[in-house]
Amino acid sequence: MAYAKLYYPPTTNGLQKTLDAALDTGTTASMTLSNVTGIQNKPGVVVINRIDTNSVEKSASLREYVSYTAVSGSTLTSLTRGLGGTTDQDHAVGSVVEFIPDITFGQALIDAFLVEHEEAD
């Protein structure tokens, strides 16, 4: 049986962090955060630059959804960039990183449910 990828939420609602190091286009090894308190050491999804540091919503073209596989030290590791129709792009130190439900997270739940509950052909 094949299993669908499942993403895990943080342990706190509305969790926000900031980038502690720039995240350049094409970087997939890891992203460094201000801290990782409240983040499970399991696969998850974040959105970078949905809002600025004053909580003002930014242009959709500046947002990027990124999945990760684990937490190591103060980093999220094994990144998949540009999810949910967003673009892999540069993000500066201090960019807001949010752990909020999105279409990538929701679709993973649906896919996992369907794999587990589909009838055999």
N, C-alpha and C. Protein backbone atom coordinates (compact mmCIF):
# COMPACT_ATOMS: atom_id res chain seq x y z
N MET A 1 0.83 -1.18 0.00
CA MET A 1 0.00 0.00 0.00
C MET A 1 0.88 1.25 0.00
N ALA A 2 0.60 2.18 -0.89
CA ALA A 2 1.33 3.45 -0.93
C ALA A 2 0.69 4.43 0.05
N TYR A 3 1.52 5.19 0.71
CA TYR A 3 1.01 6.17 1.67
C TYR A 3 1.18 7.57 1.11
N ALA A 4 0.19 8.41 1.36
CA ALA A 4 0.26 9.81 0.95
C ALA A 4 1.11 10.57 1.96
N LYS A 5 1.75 11.64 1.49
CA LYS A 5 2.53 12.49 2.39
C LYS A 5 1.57 13.20 3.34
N LEU A 6 1.92 13.24 4.60
CA LEU A 6 1.10 13.91 5.60
C LEU A 6 1.93 14.98 6.28
N TYR A 7 1.37 16.16 6.44
CA TYR A 7 2.05 17.27 7.10
C TYR A 7 1.46 17.45 8.49
N TYR A 8 2.31 17.80 9.44
CA TYR A 8 1.89 17.95 10.82
C TYR A 8 1.83 19.43 11.18
N PRO A 9 0.86 19.81 12.00
CA PRO A 9 0.75 21.21 12.44
C PRO A 9 1.73 21.50 13.57
N PRO A 10 1.94 22.77 13.88
CA PRO A 10 2.73 23.11 15.06
C PRO A 10 1.91 22.76 16.31
N THR A 11 2.50 22.93 17.47
CA THR A 11 1.79 22.63 18.72
C THR A 11 1.05 23.85 19.26
N THR A 12 1.14 24.98 18.56
CA THR A 12 0.51 26.23 18.98
C THR A 12 -0.23 26.84 17.80
N ASN A 13 -1.46 27.30 18.01
CA ASN A 13 -2.20 27.97 16.95
C ASN A 13 -1.56 29.31 16.59
N GLY A 14 -1.63 29.65 15.30
CA GLY A 14 -1.14 30.96 14.84
C GLY A 14 0.35 31.16 15.03
N LEU A 15 1.12 30.09 15.01
CA LEU A 15 2.56 30.19 15.26
C LEU A 15 3.26 30.99 14.16
N GLN A 16 4.10 31.92 14.59
CA GLN A 16 4.90 32.74 13.67
C GLN A 16 6.35 32.74 14.15
N LYS A 17 7.25 32.72 13.18
CA LYS A 17 8.68 32.84 13.43
C LYS A 17 9.23 33.83 12.41
N THR A 18 10.53 34.10 12.47
CA THR A 18 11.18 34.89 11.43
C THR A 18 12.41 34.14 10.94
N LEU A 19 12.80 34.45 9.71
CA LEU A 19 14.04 33.87 9.18
C LEU A 19 15.22 34.48 9.91
N ASP A 20 16.13 33.63 10.36
CA ASP A 20 17.34 34.09 11.04
C ASP A 20 18.52 34.14 10.08
N ALA A 21 18.31 33.66 8.86
CA ALA A 21 19.30 33.72 7.78
C ALA A 21 18.52 33.84 6.48
N ALA A 22 19.07 34.53 5.52
CA ALA A 22 18.39 34.68 4.22
C ALA A 22 18.11 33.30 3.61
N LEU A 23 17.00 33.20 2.91
CA LEU A 23 16.66 31.97 2.18
C LEU A 23 16.66 32.32 0.70
N ASP A 24 17.70 31.88 0.01
CA ASP A 24 17.88 32.23 -1.40
C ASP A 24 17.15 31.27 -2.32
N THR A 25 16.78 31.75 -3.49
CA THR A 25 16.15 30.93 -4.52
C THR A 25 16.99 29.68 -4.75
N GLY A 26 16.33 28.56 -4.83
CA GLY A 26 17.01 27.30 -5.10
C GLY A 26 17.53 26.56 -3.88
N THR A 27 17.53 27.20 -2.71
CA THR A 27 18.00 26.54 -1.50
C THR A 27 16.96 25.52 -1.04
N THR A 28 17.39 24.26 -0.92
CA THR A 28 16.46 23.22 -0.50
C THR A 28 16.95 22.43 0.71
N ALA A 29 18.18 22.67 1.17
CA ALA A 29 18.72 21.91 2.30
C ALA A 29 18.01 22.28 3.60
N SER A 30 17.91 23.59 3.88
CA SER A 30 17.30 24.01 5.15
C SER A 30 17.03 25.50 5.16
N MET A 31 16.18 25.91 6.11
CA MET A 31 15.98 27.33 6.41
C MET A 31 16.16 27.50 7.90
N THR A 32 16.83 28.60 8.28
CA THR A 32 17.13 28.87 9.68
C THR A 32 16.13 29.87 10.23
N LEU A 33 15.52 29.50 11.36
CA LEU A 33 14.50 30.33 11.99
C LEU A 33 15.01 30.98 13.27
N SER A 34 14.27 31.98 13.75
CA SER A 34 14.61 32.66 15.00
C SER A 34 14.63 31.66 16.16
N ASN A 35 13.71 30.72 16.15
CA ASN A 35 13.68 29.61 17.11
C ASN A 35 12.69 28.58 16.58
N VAL A 36 12.68 27.40 17.16
CA VAL A 36 11.79 26.34 16.67
C VAL A 36 10.80 25.89 17.75
N THR A 37 10.64 26.67 18.79
CA THR A 37 9.68 26.34 19.84
C THR A 37 8.29 26.21 19.24
N GLY A 38 7.61 25.10 19.55
CA GLY A 38 6.25 24.87 19.07
C GLY A 38 6.17 24.16 17.73
N ILE A 39 7.32 23.82 17.14
CA ILE A 39 7.33 23.13 15.85
C ILE A 39 7.65 21.66 16.10
N GLN A 40 6.77 20.77 15.62
CA GLN A 40 7.03 19.34 15.77
C GLN A 40 8.18 18.91 14.86
N ASN A 41 8.94 17.92 15.30
CA ASN A 41 10.03 17.39 14.49
C ASN A 41 9.46 16.34 13.54
N LYS A 42 8.57 16.80 12.68
CA LYS A 42 7.87 15.98 11.69
C LYS A 42 7.66 16.85 10.46
N PRO A 43 7.30 16.26 9.33
CA PRO A 43 7.05 17.07 8.12
C PRO A 43 5.95 18.11 8.35
N GLY A 44 6.14 19.28 7.75
CA GLY A 44 5.16 20.36 7.87
C GLY A 44 5.26 21.32 6.70
N VAL A 45 4.40 22.35 6.75
CA VAL A 45 4.35 23.36 5.69
C VAL A 45 4.34 24.74 6.34
N VAL A 46 5.07 25.69 5.73
CA VAL A 46 5.07 27.08 6.19
C VAL A 46 4.77 27.99 5.01
N VAL A 47 4.37 29.21 5.33
CA VAL A 47 4.27 30.26 4.31
C VAL A 47 5.19 31.40 4.75
N ILE A 48 5.99 31.86 3.81
CA ILE A 48 6.94 32.94 4.06
C ILE A 48 6.43 34.19 3.36
N ASN A 49 6.47 35.31 4.07
CA ASN A 49 6.11 36.63 3.52
C ASN A 49 4.63 36.79 3.15
N ARG A 50 3.73 36.14 3.90
CA ARG A 50 2.30 36.42 3.72
C ARG A 50 1.99 37.79 4.31
N ILE A 51 2.69 38.08 5.42
CA ILE A 51 2.57 39.38 6.08
C ILE A 51 3.96 39.92 6.36
N ASP A 52 4.03 41.23 6.61
CA ASP A 52 5.32 41.81 7.01
C ASP A 52 5.40 41.83 8.54
N THR A 53 6.46 42.37 9.08
CA THR A 53 6.66 42.36 10.53
C THR A 53 5.67 43.24 11.29
N ASN A 54 4.89 44.08 10.57
CA ASN A 54 3.83 44.88 11.17
C ASN A 54 2.47 44.24 10.99
N SER A 55 2.44 42.97 10.54
CA SER A 55 1.22 42.19 10.29
C SER A 55 0.38 42.74 9.14
N VAL A 56 1.02 43.49 8.24
CA VAL A 56 0.34 44.00 7.05
C VAL A 56 0.48 42.95 5.94
N GLU A 57 -0.66 42.59 5.34
CA GLU A 57 -0.64 41.58 4.29
C GLU A 57 0.18 42.06 3.10
N LYS A 58 1.03 41.16 2.60
CA LYS A 58 1.88 41.48 1.45
C LYS A 58 1.25 40.96 0.16
N SER A 59 1.76 41.39 -0.95
CA SER A 59 1.29 40.93 -2.26
C SER A 59 1.43 39.41 -2.35
N ALA A 60 0.45 38.76 -2.95
CA ALA A 60 0.49 37.31 -3.12
C ALA A 60 1.72 36.87 -3.90
N SER A 61 2.24 37.72 -4.77
CA SER A 61 3.41 37.35 -5.56
C SER A 61 4.68 37.24 -4.72
N LEU A 62 4.68 37.76 -3.49
CA LEU A 62 5.84 37.70 -2.60
C LEU A 62 5.80 36.50 -1.66
N ARG A 63 4.66 35.83 -1.59
CA ARG A 63 4.49 34.68 -0.69
C ARG A 63 5.10 33.43 -1.30
N GLU A 64 5.55 32.56 -0.41
CA GLU A 64 6.00 31.25 -0.86
C GLU A 64 5.63 30.21 0.19
N TYR A 65 5.02 29.13 -0.28
CA TYR A 65 4.72 27.98 0.57
C TYR A 65 5.84 26.97 0.40
N VAL A 66 6.32 26.46 1.54
CA VAL A 66 7.47 25.56 1.55
C VAL A 66 7.17 24.41 2.51
N SER A 67 7.45 23.18 2.06
CA SER A 67 7.35 22.06 2.99
C SER A 67 8.74 21.70 3.49
N TYR A 68 8.78 21.03 4.64
CA TYR A 68 10.04 20.58 5.23
C TYR A 68 9.79 19.19 5.81
N THR A 69 10.87 18.44 6.05
CA THR A 69 10.70 17.09 6.56
C THR A 69 10.97 16.94 8.05
N ALA A 70 11.80 17.84 8.62
CA ALA A 70 12.17 17.69 10.03
C ALA A 70 12.74 18.99 10.57
N VAL A 71 13.00 18.99 11.88
CA VAL A 71 13.63 20.11 12.57
C VAL A 71 14.98 19.63 13.08
N SER A 72 16.01 20.44 12.87
CA SER A 72 17.35 20.13 13.37
C SER A 72 17.96 21.41 13.90
N GLY A 73 18.20 21.47 15.20
CA GLY A 73 18.69 22.72 15.79
C GLY A 73 17.65 23.80 15.58
N SER A 74 18.05 24.91 14.96
CA SER A 74 17.10 25.99 14.69
C SER A 74 16.69 26.03 13.21
N THR A 75 16.80 24.88 12.53
CA THR A 75 16.49 24.85 11.11
C THR A 75 15.38 23.84 10.79
N LEU A 76 14.68 24.15 9.70
CA LEU A 76 13.75 23.21 9.08
C LEU A 76 14.52 22.61 7.92
N THR A 77 14.50 21.29 7.76
CA THR A 77 15.36 20.63 6.78
C THR A 77 14.59 20.00 5.62
N SER A 78 15.33 19.71 4.55
CA SER A 78 14.81 19.05 3.33
C SER A 78 13.59 19.78 2.80
N LEU A 79 13.82 20.95 2.26
CA LEU A 79 12.74 21.82 1.80
C LEU A 79 12.25 21.46 0.40
N THR A 80 10.96 21.63 0.18
CA THR A 80 10.37 21.62 -1.15
C THR A 80 9.77 22.99 -1.33
N ARG A 81 10.24 23.71 -2.32
CA ARG A 81 9.92 25.13 -2.49
C ARG A 81 8.81 25.35 -3.52
N GLY A 82 8.15 26.50 -3.42
CA GLY A 82 7.18 26.93 -4.42
C GLY A 82 5.92 26.09 -4.49
N LEU A 83 5.40 25.66 -3.34
CA LEU A 83 4.18 24.85 -3.32
C LEU A 83 2.93 25.71 -3.48
N GLY A 84 1.82 25.07 -3.80
CA GLY A 84 0.52 25.76 -3.84
C GLY A 84 0.44 26.88 -4.84
N GLY A 85 1.16 26.76 -5.95
CA GLY A 85 1.12 27.78 -6.97
C GLY A 85 2.00 28.98 -6.70
N THR A 86 2.86 28.92 -5.66
CA THR A 86 3.78 30.02 -5.37
C THR A 86 5.10 29.80 -6.09
N THR A 87 6.00 30.77 -5.98
CA THR A 87 7.27 30.74 -6.69
C THR A 87 8.43 30.66 -5.72
N ASP A 88 9.40 29.81 -6.01
CA ASP A 88 10.66 29.73 -5.28
C ASP A 88 11.37 31.07 -5.48
N GLN A 89 11.61 31.79 -4.38
CA GLN A 89 12.21 33.12 -4.49
C GLN A 89 13.05 33.44 -3.26
N ASP A 90 13.80 34.55 -3.34
CA ASP A 90 14.63 35.01 -2.23
C ASP A 90 13.76 35.57 -1.11
N HIS A 91 14.18 35.29 0.15
CA HIS A 91 13.52 35.86 1.33
C HIS A 91 14.61 36.36 2.27
N ALA A 92 14.47 37.58 2.73
CA ALA A 92 15.49 38.23 3.56
C ALA A 92 15.42 37.81 5.02
N VAL A 93 16.52 38.02 5.73
CA VAL A 93 16.54 37.84 7.18
C VAL A 93 15.41 38.68 7.77
N GLY A 94 14.66 38.12 8.72
CA GLY A 94 13.55 38.83 9.35
C GLY A 94 12.21 38.61 8.68
N SER A 95 12.19 37.94 7.52
CA SER A 95 10.91 37.63 6.86
C SER A 95 10.06 36.78 7.79
N VAL A 96 8.76 37.06 7.81
CA VAL A 96 7.84 36.33 8.68
C VAL A 96 7.53 34.96 8.08
N VAL A 97 7.65 33.93 8.92
CA VAL A 97 7.36 32.55 8.55
C VAL A 97 6.18 32.11 9.42
N GLU A 98 5.10 31.68 8.75
CA GLU A 98 3.88 31.30 9.49
C GLU A 98 3.55 29.83 9.27
N PHE A 99 2.99 29.26 10.31
CA PHE A 99 2.53 27.87 10.29
C PHE A 99 1.01 27.92 10.35
N ILE A 100 0.38 28.08 9.18
CA ILE A 100 -1.07 28.20 9.12
C ILE A 100 -1.63 27.21 8.10
N PRO A 101 -2.88 26.78 8.28
CA PRO A 101 -3.47 25.87 7.29
C PRO A 101 -3.50 26.52 5.91
N ASP A 102 -3.28 25.71 4.89
CA ASP A 102 -3.31 26.20 3.52
C ASP A 102 -3.76 25.06 2.61
N ILE A 103 -3.81 25.30 1.31
CA ILE A 103 -4.28 24.27 0.39
C ILE A 103 -3.33 23.08 0.33
N THR A 104 -2.04 23.31 0.50
CA THR A 104 -1.07 22.21 0.48
C THR A 104 -1.32 21.28 1.66
N PHE A 105 -1.49 21.85 2.85
CA PHE A 105 -1.76 21.09 4.07
C PHE A 105 -3.10 20.36 3.94
N GLY A 106 -4.13 21.07 3.48
CA GLY A 106 -5.46 20.47 3.33
C GLY A 106 -5.49 19.35 2.31
N GLN A 107 -4.84 19.55 1.18
CA GLN A 107 -4.84 18.51 0.14
C GLN A 107 -4.10 17.26 0.61
N ALA A 108 -3.04 17.43 1.40
CA ALA A 108 -2.31 16.28 1.93
C ALA A 108 -3.22 15.44 2.84
N LEU A 109 -4.07 16.11 3.64
CA LEU A 109 -5.02 15.38 4.48
C LEU A 109 -6.01 14.59 3.64
N ILE A 110 -6.54 15.23 2.61
CA ILE A 110 -7.49 14.56 1.72
C ILE A 110 -6.82 13.37 1.03
N ASP A 111 -5.62 13.57 0.50
CA ASP A 111 -4.91 12.49 -0.18
C ASP A 111 -4.66 11.32 0.75
N ALA A 112 -4.24 11.59 1.99
CA ALA A 112 -3.98 10.52 2.95
C ALA A 112 -5.27 9.76 3.27
N PHE A 113 -6.36 10.47 3.43
CA PHE A 113 -7.65 9.83 3.70
C PHE A 113 -8.07 8.94 2.53
N LEU A 114 -7.93 9.46 1.32
CA LEU A 114 -8.34 8.69 0.15
C LEU A 114 -7.49 7.44 -0.05
N VAL A 115 -6.18 7.54 0.18
CA VAL A 115 -5.32 6.36 0.05
C VAL A 115 -5.75 5.30 1.05
N GLU A 116 -6.05 5.70 2.25
CA GLU A 116 -6.43 4.76 3.30
C GLU A 116 -7.82 4.16 3.07
N HIS A 117 -8.72 4.90 2.44
CA HIS A 117 -10.11 4.46 2.36
C HIS A 117 -10.63 4.14 0.96
N GLU A 118 -9.80 4.21 -0.05
CA GLU A 118 -10.26 3.84 -1.39
C GLU A 118 -10.42 2.35 -1.49
N GLU A 119 -11.41 1.95 -2.25
CA GLU A 119 -11.61 0.52 -2.49
C GLU A 119 -10.63 0.07 -3.56
N ALA A 120 -10.20 -1.18 -3.48
CA ALA A 120 -9.30 -1.75 -4.48
C ALA A 120 -10.02 -1.86 -5.81
N ASP A 121 -9.29 -1.62 -6.90
CA ASP A 121 -9.87 -1.73 -8.25
C ASP A 121 -10.12 -3.18 -8.61
